[in-house]
Amino acid sequence: MEQKAKRVGKFNIIDIIAVVLILAVAAFAGWKLMNRGSGDGGAAEKVKVTYVVRVENVAKELYDTCQAHLPSPLMASGALVGGQIESVEKTPYYVLGPDGEWVEDPDHVNLYLTATTEVDGGPVLTTKIGDQEVRIGKKDYILKSEYVEFQGGTVVDVTWEK
């Protein structure tokens, strides 16, 4: 029966079909691998996020310094990450006085820094600025910009707008 198969050179028809099928499968796999990350998949919807970070017990002079440098672009890991610190407000910082009553500390204040940024929307919304996640109640938050940096802050408010 093999002698009856039609031969083309040293290959018969079945060998040629097998080689063509193998090449087609290899070409398709290569095309899929090369185009894996280039698909647009639809542009991700951007969501504007406004959040407030409270920093307690800071020197009173830092309020004026922050005011002088607003708005200030947000940074993380030495690079700008999009967004900025928009405003800063101060409130009194209270300490326990010698008679057991709470008194205002004349040298320190609490600062409330408001920052805005945009993140990609999706079925699960996670707000990350650099490597830090922004969630209400998050302690030890580092708020850093081109001109100011505060460590040990607490995220007290987050608003997501479409």
Protein backbone atom coordinates (compact mmCIF):
# COMPACT_ATOMS: atom_id res chain seq x y z
CA MET A 1 0.00 0.00 0.00
CA GLU A 2 2.88 2.32 0.74
CA GLN A 3 4.15 1.82 -2.74
CA LYS A 4 0.83 3.00 -4.14
CA ALA A 5 0.94 6.33 -2.23
CA LYS A 6 1.76 9.24 -4.46
CA ARG A 7 5.31 10.48 -3.93
CA VAL A 8 6.71 13.96 -4.43
CA GLY A 9 10.49 13.81 -4.27
CA LYS A 10 11.45 11.93 -1.08
CA PHE A 11 8.13 12.81 0.68
CA ASN A 12 4.73 11.35 0.11
CA ILE A 13 1.49 13.38 0.40
CA ILE A 14 0.84 12.33 4.02
CA ASP A 15 4.30 13.58 5.09
CA ILE A 16 3.68 16.96 3.43
CA ILE A 17 0.27 17.34 5.13
CA ALA A 18 1.81 16.49 8.53
CA VAL A 19 4.59 19.07 8.05
CA VAL A 20 2.10 21.77 6.98
CA LEU A 21 -0.11 21.07 10.01
CA ILE A 22 2.87 21.25 12.40
CA LEU A 23 4.02 24.54 10.87
CA ALA A 24 0.48 25.98 11.09
CA VAL A 25 0.18 25.06 14.78
CA ALA A 26 3.63 26.52 15.54
CA ALA A 27 2.82 29.75 13.65
CA PHE A 28 -0.52 30.13 15.47
CA ALA A 29 1.10 29.57 18.89
CA GLY A 30 3.83 32.11 18.06
CA TRP A 31 1.26 34.68 16.93
CA LYS A 32 -0.76 34.23 20.16
CA LEU A 33 2.36 34.65 22.31
CA MET A 34 3.52 37.75 20.45
CA ASN A 35 0.10 39.49 20.68
CA ARG A 36 -0.61 38.59 24.30
CA GLY A 37 0.03 42.04 25.83
CA SER A 38 -0.83 44.25 22.89
CA GLY A 39 -4.60 43.80 22.99
CA ASP A 40 -6.33 47.04 23.94
CA GLY A 41 -9.18 45.24 25.67
CA GLY A 42 -11.03 48.54 25.89
CA ALA A 43 -9.68 51.60 27.62
CA ALA A 44 -9.95 51.38 31.39
CA GLU A 45 -12.31 53.93 32.85
CA LYS A 46 -10.56 56.43 35.11
CA VAL A 47 -11.97 57.19 38.54
CA LYS A 48 -11.06 60.38 40.41
CA VAL A 49 -10.13 59.69 44.03
CA THR A 50 -9.96 62.38 46.72
CA TYR A 51 -8.60 61.36 50.09
CA VAL A 52 -7.69 63.06 53.35
CA VAL A 53 -4.72 62.12 55.53
CA ARG A 54 -4.51 63.27 59.17
CA VAL A 55 -1.04 63.80 60.60
CA GLU A 56 -0.97 64.47 64.33
CA ASN A 57 1.50 66.30 66.56
CA VAL A 58 3.57 68.13 63.94
CA ALA A 59 5.46 71.36 64.44
CA LYS A 60 3.25 74.41 63.93
CA GLU A 61 5.63 75.87 61.31
CA LEU A 62 5.00 72.96 58.94
CA TYR A 63 1.49 74.27 58.23
CA ASP A 64 2.90 77.46 56.66
CA THR A 65 5.53 75.47 54.77
CA CYS A 66 2.85 73.19 53.31
CA GLN A 67 0.71 76.18 52.29
CA ALA A 68 3.64 77.69 50.41
CA HIS A 69 4.12 74.54 48.30
CA LEU A 70 0.53 73.72 47.32
CA PRO A 71 -0.55 72.21 45.02
CA SER A 72 2.26 69.68 45.24
CA PRO A 73 2.63 66.60 42.93
CA LEU A 74 2.46 63.20 44.68
CA MET A 75 5.54 61.00 44.73
CA ALA A 76 6.38 57.41 45.63
CA SER A 77 9.70 55.60 45.43
CA GLY A 78 11.41 58.72 44.06
CA ALA A 79 9.05 59.18 41.09
CA LEU A 80 5.95 61.24 40.40
CA VAL A 81 2.86 59.02 40.51
CA GLY A 82 0.11 61.31 39.26
CA GLY A 83 -2.17 63.34 41.44
CA GLN A 84 -1.33 66.07 43.90
CA ILE A 85 -1.82 67.41 47.39
CA GLU A 86 -4.52 70.04 46.94
CA SER A 87 -4.97 71.61 50.38
CA VAL A 88 -3.99 71.51 54.03
CA GLU A 89 -5.96 72.45 57.13
CA LYS A 90 -4.79 72.64 60.73
CA THR A 91 -6.53 71.86 64.00
CA PRO A 92 -5.24 72.25 67.56
CA TYR A 93 -3.24 69.45 69.13
CA TYR A 94 -4.18 68.77 72.75
CA VAL A 95 -2.00 67.41 75.54
CA LEU A 96 -2.79 66.48 79.11
CA GLY A 97 -1.98 69.44 81.37
CA PRO A 98 -0.49 69.32 84.88
CA ASP A 99 -3.93 69.53 86.50
CA GLY A 100 -5.33 66.58 84.45
CA GLU A 101 -7.21 68.75 81.93
CA TRP A 102 -6.67 68.74 78.17
CA VAL A 103 -4.91 71.91 77.00
CA GLU A 104 -3.89 73.12 73.55
CA ASP A 105 -0.21 72.59 72.74
CA PRO A 106 1.12 75.95 71.49
CA ASP A 107 3.95 74.38 69.46
CA HIS A 108 2.14 71.53 67.67
CA VAL A 109 -0.92 71.05 65.46
CA ASN A 110 -2.78 68.31 63.58
CA LEU A 111 -2.75 68.63 59.80
CA TYR A 112 -5.42 67.37 57.40
CA LEU A 113 -3.94 67.07 53.89
CA THR A 114 -6.33 66.57 50.96
CA ALA A 115 -4.93 64.82 47.89
CA THR A 116 -6.47 63.86 44.55
CA THR A 117 -5.45 61.31 41.93
CA GLU A 118 -6.95 59.10 39.23
CA VAL A 119 -6.97 55.30 39.24
CA ASP A 120 -8.21 52.69 36.79
CA GLY A 121 -11.79 51.64 37.43
CA GLY A 122 -12.99 48.07 37.17
CA PRO A 123 -15.08 45.47 38.90
CA VAL A 124 -12.85 45.72 42.00
CA LEU A 125 -11.66 49.22 42.78
CA THR A 126 -8.29 49.37 44.53
CA THR A 127 -6.69 52.69 45.14
CA LYS A 128 -2.91 52.45 45.11
CA ILE A 129 -0.54 55.39 45.12
CA GLY A 130 2.84 53.92 44.34
CA ASP A 131 3.03 50.83 46.56
CA GLN A 132 0.60 52.10 49.20
CA GLU A 133 -3.07 51.28 49.29
CA VAL A 134 -5.44 54.10 50.25
CA ARG A 135 -8.22 52.92 52.58
CA ILE A 136 -10.16 54.68 55.32
CA GLY A 137 -8.55 53.92 58.66
CA LYS A 138 -5.15 52.96 57.23
CA LYS A 139 -2.50 53.97 59.74
CA ASP A 140 1.19 54.62 59.12
CA TYR A 141 0.40 56.12 55.72
CA ILE A 142 3.28 58.04 54.15
CA LEU A 143 2.10 61.11 52.23
CA LYS A 144 4.92 62.32 50.05
CA SER A 145 5.15 64.99 47.41
CA GLU A 146 7.83 66.92 45.63
CA TYR A 147 8.22 69.30 48.58
CA VAL A 148 6.69 67.71 51.70
CA GLU A 149 6.65 64.30 53.35
CA PHE A 150 4.69 63.09 56.36
CA GLN A 151 4.99 59.66 57.92
CA GLY A 152 2.60 58.00 60.33
CA GLY A 153 -0.55 59.58 58.88
CA THR A 154 -4.03 58.08 59.03
CA VAL A 155 -6.38 58.05 56.04
CA VAL A 156 -9.61 59.54 57.42
CA ASP A 157 -11.72 60.01 54.27
CA VAL A 158 -11.78 58.63 50.71
CA THR A 159 -14.19 59.69 47.94
CA TRP A 160 -14.43 57.98 44.55
CA GLU A 161 -16.00 59.93 41.66
CA LYS A 162 -16.64 58.70 38.13
